[in-house]
Amino acid sequence: MSGLRVVTGLWAYALVGLTLLADRPGDLLAGAAVVAALLLVVLLATRPRPTSGPGTGRRRAVGLRDRARRRRVPRQVDPDAAGRPRPRAPGGSLPVGWSPVAG
């Protein structure tokens, strides 16, 4: 961001110089247009570039879509069937005053 501050400071300095050197308002306007065009060129040249190419995101989306199409729907199974492990409950201590009996 400091580069932007430097460019902005130089732009303001150039406009002050144009104001002091311009004899007529038309000269000032032409000089300001030139300085604004140069500032635009500098800002466009120093803008951050994307790290990945334009096709990378599309390629990833196509890959994810293909993988989703290949996956089957999970079977509906009985979680309490013989041979299946019981689901684990979250660990940790219970809050003070908590009781499993509703009432």
PDB file of N, CA and C in Angstrom:
ATOM      1  N   MET A   1       0.817  -1.189   0.000  1.00  0.00           N
ATOM      2  CA  MET A   1       0.000   0.000   0.000  1.00  0.00           C
ATOM      3  C   MET A   1       0.863   1.255   0.000  1.00  0.00           C
ATOM      4  N   SER A   2       2.104   1.138   0.437  1.00  0.00           N
ATOM      5  CA  SER A   2       2.956   2.320   0.471  1.00  0.00           C
ATOM      6  C   SER A   2       3.274   2.786  -0.942  1.00  0.00           C
ATOM      7  N   GLY A   3       3.296   1.873  -1.927  1.00  0.00           N
ATOM      8  CA  GLY A   3       3.530   2.260  -3.318  1.00  0.00           C
ATOM      9  C   GLY A   3       2.421   3.164  -3.818  1.00  0.00           C
ATOM     10  N   LEU A   4       1.203   2.883  -3.407  1.00  0.00           N
ATOM     11  CA  LEU A   4       0.077   3.723  -3.796  1.00  0.00           C
ATOM     12  C   LEU A   4       0.201   5.111  -3.182  1.00  0.00           C
ATOM     13  N   ARG A   5       0.691   5.174  -1.959  1.00  0.00           N
ATOM     14  CA  ARG A   5       0.892   6.477  -1.320  1.00  0.00           C
ATOM     15  C   ARG A   5       1.952   7.285  -2.057  1.00  0.00           C
ATOM     16  N   VAL A   6       3.014   6.620  -2.487  1.00  0.00           N
ATOM     17  CA  VAL A   6       4.076   7.315  -3.221  1.00  0.00           C
ATOM     18  C   VAL A   6       3.542   7.840  -4.540  1.00  0.00           C
ATOM     19  N   VAL A   7       2.780   7.002  -5.254  1.00  0.00           N
ATOM     20  CA  VAL A   7       2.224   7.432  -6.538  1.00  0.00           C
ATOM     21  C   VAL A   7       1.255   8.592  -6.341  1.00  0.00           C
ATOM     22  N   THR A   8       0.436   8.523  -5.311  1.00  0.00           N
ATOM     23  CA  THR A   8      -0.509   9.612  -5.038  1.00  0.00           C
ATOM     24  C   THR A   8       0.230  10.893  -4.673  1.00  0.00           C
ATOM     25  N   GLY A   9       1.287  10.778  -3.890  1.00  0.00           N
ATOM     26  CA  GLY A   9       2.083  11.960  -3.542  1.00  0.00           C
ATOM     27  C   GLY A   9       2.747  12.573  -4.756  1.00  0.00           C
ATOM     28  N   LEU A  10       3.281  11.736  -5.636  1.00  0.00           N
ATOM     29  CA  LEU A  10       3.891  12.264  -6.855  1.00  0.00           C
ATOM     30  C   LEU A  10       2.859  12.926  -7.760  1.00  0.00           C
ATOM     31  N   TRP A  11       1.666  12.341  -7.808  1.00  0.00           N
ATOM     32  CA  TRP A  11       0.599  12.919  -8.613  1.00  0.00           C
ATOM     33  C   TRP A  11       0.211  14.302  -8.077  1.00  0.00           C
ATOM     34  N   ALA A  12       0.071  14.409  -6.754  1.00  0.00           N
ATOM     35  CA  ALA A  12      -0.266  15.708  -6.155  1.00  0.00           C
ATOM     36  C   ALA A  12       0.852  16.714  -6.391  1.00  0.00           C
ATOM     37  N   TYR A  13       2.102  16.277  -6.303  1.00  0.00           N
ATOM     38  CA  TYR A  13       3.241  17.158  -6.546  1.00  0.00           C
ATOM     39  C   TYR A  13       3.239  17.652  -7.995  1.00  0.00           C
ATOM     40  N   ALA A  14       2.919  16.753  -8.929  1.00  0.00           N
ATOM     41  CA  ALA A  14       2.868  17.145 -10.338  1.00  0.00           C
ATOM     42  C   ALA A  14       1.745  18.134 -10.590  1.00  0.00           C
ATOM     43  N   LEU A  15       0.608  17.958  -9.945  1.00  0.00           N
ATOM     44  CA  LEU A  15      -0.486  18.909 -10.130  1.00  0.00           C
ATOM     45  C   LEU A  15      -0.148  20.283  -9.565  1.00  0.00           C
ATOM     46  N   VAL A  16       0.554  20.303  -8.434  1.00  0.00           N
ATOM     47  CA  VAL A  16       0.977  21.594  -7.871  1.00  0.00           C
ATOM     48  C   VAL A  16       1.949  22.276  -8.825  1.00  0.00           C
ATOM     49  N   GLY A  17       2.878  21.509  -9.375  1.00  0.00           N
ATOM     50  CA  GLY A  17       3.820  22.082 -10.342  1.00  0.00           C
ATOM     51  C   GLY A  17       3.115  22.594 -11.573  1.00  0.00           C
ATOM     52  N   LEU A  18       2.106  21.852 -12.060  1.00  0.00           N
ATOM     53  CA  LEU A  18       1.348  22.328 -13.222  1.00  0.00           C
ATOM     54  C   LEU A  18       0.599  23.617 -12.908  1.00  0.00           C
ATOM     55  N   THR A  19       0.066  23.724 -11.707  1.00  0.00           N
ATOM     56  CA  THR A  19      -0.658  24.933 -11.319  1.00  0.00           C
ATOM     57  C   THR A  19       0.266  26.147 -11.334  1.00  0.00           C
ATOM     58  N   LEU A  20       1.487  25.964 -10.874  1.00  0.00           N
ATOM     59  CA  LEU A  20       2.438  27.081 -10.833  1.00  0.00           C
ATOM     60  C   LEU A  20       2.960  27.430 -12.213  1.00  0.00           C
ATOM     61  N   LEU A  21       3.081  26.454 -13.110  1.00  0.00           N
ATOM     62  CA  LEU A  21       3.663  26.696 -14.421  1.00  0.00           C
ATOM     63  C   LEU A  21       2.638  27.069 -15.490  1.00  0.00           C
ATOM     64  N   ALA A  22       1.369  26.762 -15.269  1.00  0.00           N
ATOM     65  CA  ALA A  22       0.358  27.001 -16.298  1.00  0.00           C
ATOM     66  C   ALA A  22       0.027  28.481 -16.382  1.00  0.00           C
ATOM     67  N   ASP A  23       0.034  29.010 -17.617  1.00  0.00           N
ATOM     68  CA  ASP A  23      -0.323  30.415 -17.835  1.00  0.00           C
ATOM     69  C   ASP A  23      -1.818  30.580 -18.063  1.00  0.00           C
ATOM     70  N   ARG A  24      -2.412  29.605 -18.697  1.00  0.00           N
ATOM     71  CA  ARG A  24      -3.836  29.697 -19.024  1.00  0.00           C
ATOM     72  C   ARG A  24      -4.564  28.493 -18.448  1.00  0.00           C
ATOM     73  N   PRO A  25      -5.852  28.602 -18.247  1.00  0.00           N
ATOM     74  CA  PRO A  25      -6.611  27.456 -17.722  1.00  0.00           C
ATOM     75  C   PRO A  25      -6.576  26.244 -18.652  1.00  0.00           C
ATOM     76  N   GLY A  26      -6.474  26.473 -19.950  1.00  0.00           N
ATOM     77  CA  GLY A  26      -6.411  25.356 -20.895  1.00  0.00           C
ATOM     78  C   GLY A  26      -5.138  24.550 -20.704  1.00  0.00           C
ATOM     79  N   ASP A  27      -4.030  25.246 -20.423  1.00  0.00           N
ATOM     80  CA  ASP A  27      -2.773  24.547 -20.166  1.00  0.00           C
ATOM     81  C   ASP A  27      -2.879  23.692 -18.900  1.00  0.00           C
ATOM     82  N   LEU A  28      -3.511  24.257 -17.893  1.00  0.00           N
ATOM     83  CA  LEU A  28      -3.686  23.521 -16.637  1.00  0.00           C
ATOM     84  C   LEU A  28      -4.542  22.270 -16.857  1.00  0.00           C
ATOM     85  N   LEU A  29      -5.619  22.414 -17.642  1.00  0.00           N
ATOM     86  CA  LEU A  29      -6.501  21.281 -17.905  1.00  0.00           C
ATOM     87  C   LEU A  29      -5.784  20.205 -18.714  1.00  0.00           C
ATOM     88  N   ALA A  30      -5.007  20.617 -19.708  1.00  0.00           N
ATOM     89  CA  ALA A  30      -4.275  19.646 -20.525  1.00  0.00           C
ATOM     90  C   ALA A  30      -3.225  18.925 -19.675  1.00  0.00           C
ATOM     91  N   GLY A  31      -2.534  19.668 -18.837  1.00  0.00           N
ATOM     92  CA  GLY A  31      -1.528  19.059 -17.977  1.00  0.00           C
ATOM     93  C   GLY A  31      -2.150  18.102 -16.975  1.00  0.00           C
ATOM     94  N   ALA A  32      -3.291  18.487 -16.416  1.00  0.00           N
ATOM     95  CA  ALA A  32      -3.972  17.613 -15.464  1.00  0.00           C
ATOM     96  C   ALA A  32      -4.448  16.333 -16.153  1.00  0.00           C
ATOM     97  N   ALA A  33      -4.887  16.442 -17.405  1.00  0.00           N
ATOM     98  CA  ALA A  33      -5.315  15.255 -18.148  1.00  0.00           C
ATOM     99  C   ALA A  33      -4.135  14.319 -18.396  1.00  0.00           C
ATOM    100  N   VAL A  34      -2.977  14.887 -18.723  1.00  0.00           N
ATOM    101  CA  VAL A  34      -1.789  14.063 -18.958  1.00  0.00           C
ATOM    102  C   VAL A  34      -1.360  13.372 -17.661  1.00  0.00           C
ATOM    103  N   VAL A  35      -1.352  14.123 -16.570  1.00  0.00           N
ATOM    104  CA  VAL A  35      -0.956  13.540 -15.280  1.00  0.00           C
ATOM    105  C   VAL A  35      -1.958  12.465 -14.856  1.00  0.00           C
ATOM    106  N   ALA A  36      -3.242  12.681 -15.074  1.00  0.00           N
ATOM    107  CA  ALA A  36      -4.249  11.682 -14.717  1.00  0.00           C
ATOM    108  C   ALA A  36      -4.077  10.422 -15.572  1.00  0.00           C
ATOM    109  N   ALA A  37      -3.764  10.586 -16.847  1.00  0.00           N
ATOM    110  CA  ALA A  37      -3.543   9.423 -17.711  1.00  0.00           C
ATOM    111  C   ALA A  37      -2.312   8.647 -17.257  1.00  0.00           C
ATOM    112  N   LEU A  38      -1.255   9.345 -16.900  1.00  0.00           N
ATOM    113  CA  LEU A  38      -0.045   8.677 -16.407  1.00  0.00           C
ATOM    114  C   LEU A  38      -0.324   7.946 -15.098  1.00  0.00           C
ATOM    115  N   LEU A  39      -1.101   8.563 -14.204  1.00  0.00           N
ATOM    116  CA  LEU A  39      -1.463   7.907 -12.950  1.00  0.00           C
ATOM    117  C   LEU A  39      -2.260   6.633 -13.211  1.00  0.00           C
ATOM    118  N   LEU A  40      -3.187   6.688 -14.163  1.00  0.00           N
ATOM    119  CA  LEU A  40      -3.974   5.510 -14.507  1.00  0.00           C
ATOM    120  C   LEU A  40      -3.078   4.395 -15.048  1.00  0.00           C
ATOM    121  N   VAL A  41      -2.129   4.750 -15.878  1.00  0.00           N
ATOM    122  CA  VAL A  41      -1.207   3.749 -16.425  1.00  0.00           C
ATOM    123  C   VAL A  41      -0.387   3.117 -15.303  1.00  0.00           C
ATOM    124  N   VAL A  42       0.106   3.934 -14.382  1.00  0.00           N
ATOM    125  CA  VAL A  42       0.915   3.407 -13.279  1.00  0.00           C
ATOM    126  C   VAL A  42       0.076   2.502 -12.385  1.00  0.00           C
ATOM    127  N   LEU A  43      -1.143   2.910 -12.076  1.00  0.00           N
ATOM    128  CA  LEU A  43      -2.001   2.090 -11.221  1.00  0.00           C
ATOM    129  C   LEU A  43      -2.371   0.771 -11.888  1.00  0.00           C
ATOM    130  N   LEU A  44      -2.629   0.795 -13.187  1.00  0.00           N
ATOM    131  CA  LEU A  44      -2.954  -0.448 -13.879  1.00  0.00           C
ATOM    132  C   LEU A  44      -1.738  -1.361 -13.994  1.00  0.00           C
ATOM    133  N   ALA A  45      -0.564  -0.779 -14.105  1.00  0.00           N
ATOM    134  CA  ALA A  45       0.646  -1.592 -14.216  1.00  0.00           C
ATOM    135  C   ALA A  45       1.025  -2.218 -12.880  1.00  0.00           C
ATOM    136  N   THR A  46       0.678  -1.586 -11.766  1.00  0.00           N
ATOM    137  CA  THR A  46       1.089  -2.094 -10.455  1.00  0.00           C
ATOM    138  C   THR A  46      -0.013  -2.843  -9.725  1.00  0.00           C
ATOM    139  N   ARG A  47      -1.145  -3.091 -10.366  1.00  0.00           N
ATOM    140  CA  ARG A  47      -2.228  -3.803  -9.676  1.00  0.00           C
ATOM    141  C   ARG A  47      -1.829  -5.250  -9.438  1.00  0.00           C
ATOM    142  N   PRO A  48      -2.341  -5.838  -8.366  1.00  0.00           N
ATOM    143  CA  PRO A  48      -1.977  -7.231  -8.059  1.00  0.00           C
ATOM    144  C   PRO A  48      -2.569  -8.182  -9.090  1.00  0.00           C
ATOM    145  N   ARG A  49      -1.799  -9.164  -9.457  1.00  0.00           N
ATOM    146  CA  ARG A  49      -2.220 -10.168 -10.429  1.00  0.00           C
ATOM    147  C   ARG A  49      -2.760 -11.390  -9.686  1.00  0.00           C
ATOM    148  N   PRO A  50      -3.734 -12.073 -10.263  1.00  0.00           N
ATOM    149  CA  PRO A  50      -4.213 -13.304  -9.620  1.00  0.00           C
ATOM    150  C   PRO A  50      -3.113 -14.360  -9.631  1.00  0.00           C
ATOM    151  N   THR A  51      -3.033 -15.130  -8.542  1.00  0.00           N
ATOM    152  CA  THR A  51      -1.971 -16.123  -8.431  1.00  0.00           C
ATOM    153  C   THR A  51      -2.249 -17.344  -9.294  1.00  0.00           C
ATOM    154  N   SER A  52      -3.497 -17.666  -9.502  1.00  0.00           N
ATOM    155  CA  SER A  52      -3.813 -18.818 -10.330  1.00  0.00           C
ATOM    156  C   SER A  52      -4.326 -18.322 -11.671  1.00  0.00           C
ATOM    157  N   GLY A  53      -4.155 -19.147 -12.680  1.00  0.00           N
ATOM    158  CA  GLY A  53      -4.595 -18.782 -14.016  1.00  0.00           C
ATOM    159  C   GLY A  53      -6.100 -18.768 -14.114  1.00  0.00           C
ATOM    160  N   PRO A  54      -6.623 -18.221 -15.200  1.00  0.00           N
ATOM    161  CA  PRO A  54      -8.073 -18.144 -15.339  1.00  0.00           C
ATOM    162  C   PRO A  54      -8.730 -19.510 -15.501  1.00  0.00           C
ATOM    163  N   GLY A  55      -8.006 -20.505 -16.007  1.00  0.00           N
ATOM    164  CA  GLY A  55      -8.598 -21.813 -16.210  1.00  0.00           C
ATOM    165  C   GLY A  55      -8.563 -22.696 -14.978  1.00  0.00           C
ATOM    166  N   THR A  56      -7.790 -22.316 -13.968  1.00  0.00           N
ATOM    167  CA  THR A  56      -7.624 -23.172 -12.795  1.00  0.00           C
ATOM    168  C   THR A  56      -8.939 -23.341 -12.040  1.00  0.00           C
ATOM    169  N   GLY A  57      -9.663 -22.284 -11.827  1.00  0.00           N
ATOM    170  CA  GLY A  57     -10.933 -22.356 -11.101  1.00  0.00           C
ATOM    171  C   GLY A  57     -11.957 -23.177 -11.857  1.00  0.00           C
ATOM    172  N   ARG A  58     -11.986 -23.018 -13.166  1.00  0.00           N
ATOM    173  CA  ARG A  58     -12.942 -23.765 -13.972  1.00  0.00           C
ATOM    174  C   ARG A  58     -12.579 -25.248 -13.969  1.00  0.00           C
ATOM    175  N   ARG A  59     -11.287 -25.559 -14.063  1.00  0.00           N
ATOM    176  CA  ARG A  59     -10.849 -26.941 -14.061  1.00  0.00           C
ATOM    177  C   ARG A  59     -11.201 -27.612 -12.741  1.00  0.00           C
ATOM    178  N   ARG A  60     -11.038 -26.882 -11.649  1.00  0.00           N
ATOM    179  CA  ARG A  60     -11.374 -27.446 -10.338  1.00  0.00           C
ATOM    180  C   ARG A  60     -12.872 -27.684 -10.221  1.00  0.00           C
ATOM    181  N   ALA A  61     -13.676 -26.747 -10.714  1.00  0.00           N
ATOM    182  CA  ALA A  61     -15.130 -26.913 -10.650  1.00  0.00           C
ATOM    183  C   ALA A  61     -15.571 -28.124 -11.458  1.00  0.00           C
ATOM    184  N   VAL A  62     -14.968 -28.320 -12.626  1.00  0.00           N
ATOM    185  CA  VAL A  62     -15.326 -29.473 -13.448  1.00  0.00           C
ATOM    186  C   VAL A  62     -14.937 -30.754 -12.734  1.00  0.00           C
ATOM    187  N   GLY A  63     -13.758 -30.770 -12.104  1.00  0.00           N
ATOM    188  CA  GLY A  63     -13.318 -31.953 -11.373  1.00  0.00           C
ATOM    189  C   GLY A  63     -14.231 -32.282 -10.208  1.00  0.00           C
ATOM    190  N   LEU A  64     -14.639 -31.269  -9.458  1.00  0.00           N
ATOM    191  CA  LEU A  64     -15.547 -31.509  -8.333  1.00  0.00           C
ATOM    192  C   LEU A  64     -16.907 -32.022  -8.811  1.00  0.00           C
ATOM    193  N   ARG A  65     -17.377 -31.468  -9.913  1.00  0.00           N
ATOM    194  CA  ARG A  65     -18.659 -31.912 -10.450  1.00  0.00           C
ATOM    195  C   ARG A  65     -18.581 -33.363 -10.914  1.00  0.00           C
ATOM    196  N   ASP A  66     -17.487 -33.727 -11.584  1.00  0.00           N
ATOM    197  CA  ASP A  66     -17.318 -35.110 -12.023  1.00  0.00           C
ATOM    198  C   ASP A  66     -17.250 -36.068 -10.832  1.00  0.00           C
ATOM    199  N   ARG A  67     -16.519 -35.669  -9.807  1.00  0.00           N
ATOM    200  CA  ARG A  67     -16.406 -36.530  -8.626  1.00  0.00           C
ATOM    201  C   ARG A  67     -17.764 -36.715  -7.959  1.00  0.00           C
ATOM    202  N   ALA A  68     -18.564 -35.637  -7.903  1.00  0.00           N
ATOM    203  CA  ALA A  68     -19.888 -35.748  -7.294  1.00  0.00           C
ATOM    204  C   ALA A  68     -20.781 -36.677  -8.110  1.00  0.00           C
ATOM    205  N   ARG A  69     -20.639 -36.663  -9.430  1.00  0.00           N
ATOM    206  CA  ARG A  69     -21.466 -37.551 -10.263  1.00  0.00           C
ATOM    207  C   ARG A  69     -21.067 -39.007 -10.113  1.00  0.00           C
ATOM    208  N   ARG A  70     -19.776 -39.272  -9.892  1.00  0.00           N
ATOM    209  CA  ARG A  70     -19.310 -40.650  -9.733  1.00  0.00           C
ATOM    210  C   ARG A  70     -19.703 -41.247  -8.394  1.00  0.00           C
ATOM    211  N   ARG A  71     -19.867 -40.409  -7.383  1.00  0.00           N
ATOM    212  CA  ARG A  71     -20.197 -40.913  -6.046  1.00  0.00           C
ATOM    213  C   ARG A  71     -21.608 -41.474  -6.039  1.00  0.00           C
ATOM    214  N   ARG A  72     -21.751 -42.564  -5.322  1.00  0.00           N
ATOM    215  CA  ARG A  72     -23.074 -43.145  -5.176  1.00  0.00           C
ATOM    216  C   ARG A  72     -23.751 -42.567  -3.951  1.00  0.00           C
ATOM    217  N   VAL A  73     -25.055 -42.753  -3.915  1.00  0.00           N
ATOM    218  CA  VAL A  73     -25.820 -42.344  -2.747  1.00  0.00           C
ATOM    219  C   VAL A  73     -25.507 -43.325  -1.631  1.00  0.00           C
ATOM    220  N   PRO A  74     -25.197 -42.888  -0.427  1.00  0.00           N
ATOM    221  CA  PRO A  74     -24.877 -43.836   0.651  1.00  0.00           C
ATOM    222  C   PRO A  74     -26.081 -44.725   0.960  1.00  0.00           C
ATOM    223  N   ARG A  75     -25.778 -45.998   1.267  1.00  0.00           N
ATOM    224  CA  ARG A  75     -26.843 -46.948   1.589  1.00  0.00           C
ATOM    225  C   ARG A  75     -27.465 -46.593   2.931  1.00  0.00           C
ATOM    226  N   GLN A  76     -28.745 -46.844   3.018  1.00  0.00           N
ATOM    227  CA  GLN A  76     -29.445 -46.654   4.287  1.00  0.00           C
ATOM    228  C   GLN A  76     -29.247 -47.931   5.092  1.00  0.00           C
ATOM    229  N   VAL A  77     -28.482 -47.847   6.152  1.00  0.00           N
ATOM    230  CA  VAL A  77     -28.181 -49.044   6.940  1.00  0.00           C
ATOM    231  C   VAL A  77     -28.658 -48.837   8.368  1.00  0.00           C
ATOM    232  N   ASP A  78     -28.810 -49.941   9.034  1.00  0.00           N
ATOM    233  CA  ASP A  78     -29.217 -49.911  10.426  1.00  0.00           C
ATOM    234  C   ASP A  78     -27.986 -49.639  11.298  1.00  0.00           C
ATOM    235  N   PRO A  79     -27.923 -48.518  11.991  1.00  0.00           N
ATOM    236  CA  PRO A  79     -26.740 -48.230  12.795  1.00  0.00           C
ATOM    237  C   PRO A  79     -26.614 -49.150  14.003  1.00  0.00           C
ATOM    238  N   ASP A  80     -27.711 -49.807  14.408  1.00  0.00           N
ATOM    239  CA  ASP A  80     -27.670 -50.706  15.559  1.00  0.00           C
ATOM    240  C   ASP A  80     -27.507 -52.163  15.155  1.00  0.00           C
ATOM    241  N   ALA A  81     -27.176 -52.427  13.891  1.00  0.00           N
ATOM    242  CA  ALA A  81     -27.029 -53.802  13.438  1.00  0.00           C
ATOM    243  C   ALA A  81     -25.838 -54.455  14.130  1.00  0.00           C
ATOM    244  N   ALA A  82     -25.872 -55.809  14.181  1.00  0.00           N
ATOM    245  CA  ALA A  82     -24.791 -56.557  14.829  1.00  0.00           C
ATOM    246  C   ALA A  82     -23.485 -56.327  14.074  1.00  0.00           C
ATOM    247  N   GLY A  83     -22.411 -56.126  14.825  1.00  0.00           N
ATOM    248  CA  GLY A  83     -21.100 -55.924  14.228  1.00  0.00           C
ATOM    249  C   GLY A  83     -20.755 -54.472  13.964  1.00  0.00           C
ATOM    250  N   ARG A  84     -21.690 -53.583  14.122  1.00  0.00           N
ATOM    251  CA  ARG A  84     -21.404 -52.163  13.909  1.00  0.00           C
ATOM    252  C   ARG A  84     -21.009 -51.526  15.232  1.00  0.00           C
ATOM    253  N   PRO A  85     -19.973 -50.696  15.211  1.00  0.00           N
ATOM    254  CA  PRO A  85     -19.599 -50.027  16.466  1.00  0.00           C
ATOM    255  C   PRO A  85     -20.628 -48.970  16.838  1.00  0.00           C
ATOM    256  N   ARG A  86     -20.780 -48.783  18.119  1.00  0.00           N
ATOM    257  CA  ARG A  86     -21.714 -47.768  18.592  1.00  0.00           C
ATOM    258  C   ARG A  86     -21.131 -46.390  18.333  1.00  0.00           C
ATOM    259  N   PRO A  87     -21.945 -45.444  17.974  1.00  0.00           N
ATOM    260  CA  PRO A  87     -21.431 -44.082  17.775  1.00  0.00           C
ATOM    261  C   PRO A  87     -20.934 -43.518  19.094  1.00  0.00           C
ATOM    262  N   ARG A  88     -19.848 -42.766  19.013  1.00  0.00           N
ATOM    263  CA  ARG A  88     -19.258 -42.202  20.230  1.00  0.00           C
ATOM    264  C   ARG A  88     -19.930 -40.892  20.580  1.00  0.00           C
ATOM    265  N   ALA A  89     -20.164 -40.729  21.842  1.00  0.00           N
ATOM    266  CA  ALA A  89     -20.746 -39.480  22.329  1.00  0.00           C
ATOM    267  C   ALA A  89     -19.618 -38.490  22.590  1.00  0.00           C
ATOM    268  N   PRO A  90     -19.900 -37.202  22.573  1.00  0.00           N
ATOM    269  CA  PRO A  90     -18.861 -36.228  22.894  1.00  0.00           C
ATOM    270  C   PRO A  90     -18.376 -36.422  24.324  1.00  0.00           C
ATOM    271  N   GLY A  91     -17.087 -36.274  24.534  1.00  0.00           N
ATOM    272  CA  GLY A  91     -16.508 -36.458  25.856  1.00  0.00           C
ATOM    273  C   GLY A  91     -16.571 -35.183  26.682  1.00  0.00           C
ATOM    274  N   GLY A  92     -15.910 -35.207  27.789  1.00  0.00           N
ATOM    275  CA  GLY A  92     -15.881 -34.033  28.647  1.00  0.00           C
ATOM    276  C   GLY A  92     -16.755 -34.223  29.860  1.00  0.00           C
ATOM    277  N   SER A  93     -16.651 -33.311  30.764  1.00  0.00           N
ATOM    278  CA  SER A  93     -17.437 -33.425  31.993  1.00  0.00           C
ATOM    279  C   SER A  93     -18.796 -32.773  31.793  1.00  0.00           C
ATOM    280  N   LEU A  94     -19.739 -33.226  32.581  1.00  0.00           N
ATOM    281  CA  LEU A  94     -21.084 -32.670  32.515  1.00  0.00           C
ATOM    282  C   LEU A  94     -21.154 -31.401  33.351  1.00  0.00           C
ATOM    283  N   PRO A  95     -22.042 -30.481  32.964  1.00  0.00           N
ATOM    284  CA  PRO A  95     -22.184 -29.253  33.752  1.00  0.00           C
ATOM    285  C   PRO A  95     -22.713 -29.539  35.155  1.00  0.00           C
ATOM    286  N   VAL A  96     -22.416 -28.671  36.073  1.00  0.00           N
ATOM    287  CA  VAL A  96     -22.853 -28.839  37.456  1.00  0.00           C
ATOM    288  C   VAL A  96     -24.367 -28.710  37.511  1.00  0.00           C
ATOM    289  N   GLY A  97     -24.993 -29.617  38.195  1.00  0.00           N
ATOM    290  CA  GLY A  97     -26.433 -29.564  38.370  1.00  0.00           C
ATOM    291  C   GLY A  97     -27.199 -30.267  37.265  1.00  0.00           C
ATOM    292  N   TRP A  98     -26.509 -30.847  36.277  1.00  0.00           N
ATOM    293  CA  TRP A  98     -27.181 -31.531  35.192  1.00  0.00           C
ATOM    294  C   TRP A  98     -27.574 -32.932  35.622  1.00  0.00           C
ATOM    295  N   SER A  99     -28.798 -33.324  35.286  1.00  0.00           N
ATOM    296  CA  SER A  99     -29.196 -34.696  35.590  1.00  0.00           C
ATOM    297  C   SER A  99     -29.904 -35.252  34.365  1.00  0.00           C
ATOM    298  N   PRO A 100     -29.719 -36.539  34.074  1.00  0.00           N
ATOM    299  CA  PRO A 100     -30.324 -37.128  32.890  1.00  0.00           C
ATOM    300  C   PRO A 100     -31.812 -37.324  33.024  1.00  0.00           C
ATOM    301  N   VAL A 101     -32.370 -37.186  34.204  1.00  0.00           N
ATOM    302  CA  VAL A 101     -33.793 -37.404  34.431  1.00  0.00           C
ATOM    303  C   VAL A 101     -34.518 -36.081  34.193  1.00  0.00           C
ATOM    304  N   ALA A 102     -35.523 -36.130  33.331  1.00  0.00           N
ATOM    305  CA  ALA A 102     -36.305 -34.906  33.080  1.00  0.00           C
ATOM    306  C   ALA A 102     -37.238 -34.680  34.251  1.00  0.00           C
ATOM    307  N   GLY A 103     -37.399 -33.466  34.610  1.00  0.00           N
ATOM    308  CA  GLY A 103     -38.308 -33.283  35.733  1.00  0.00           C
ATOM    309  C   GLY A 103     -38.217 -32.026  36.352  1.00  0.00           C
TER     310      GLY A 103
END
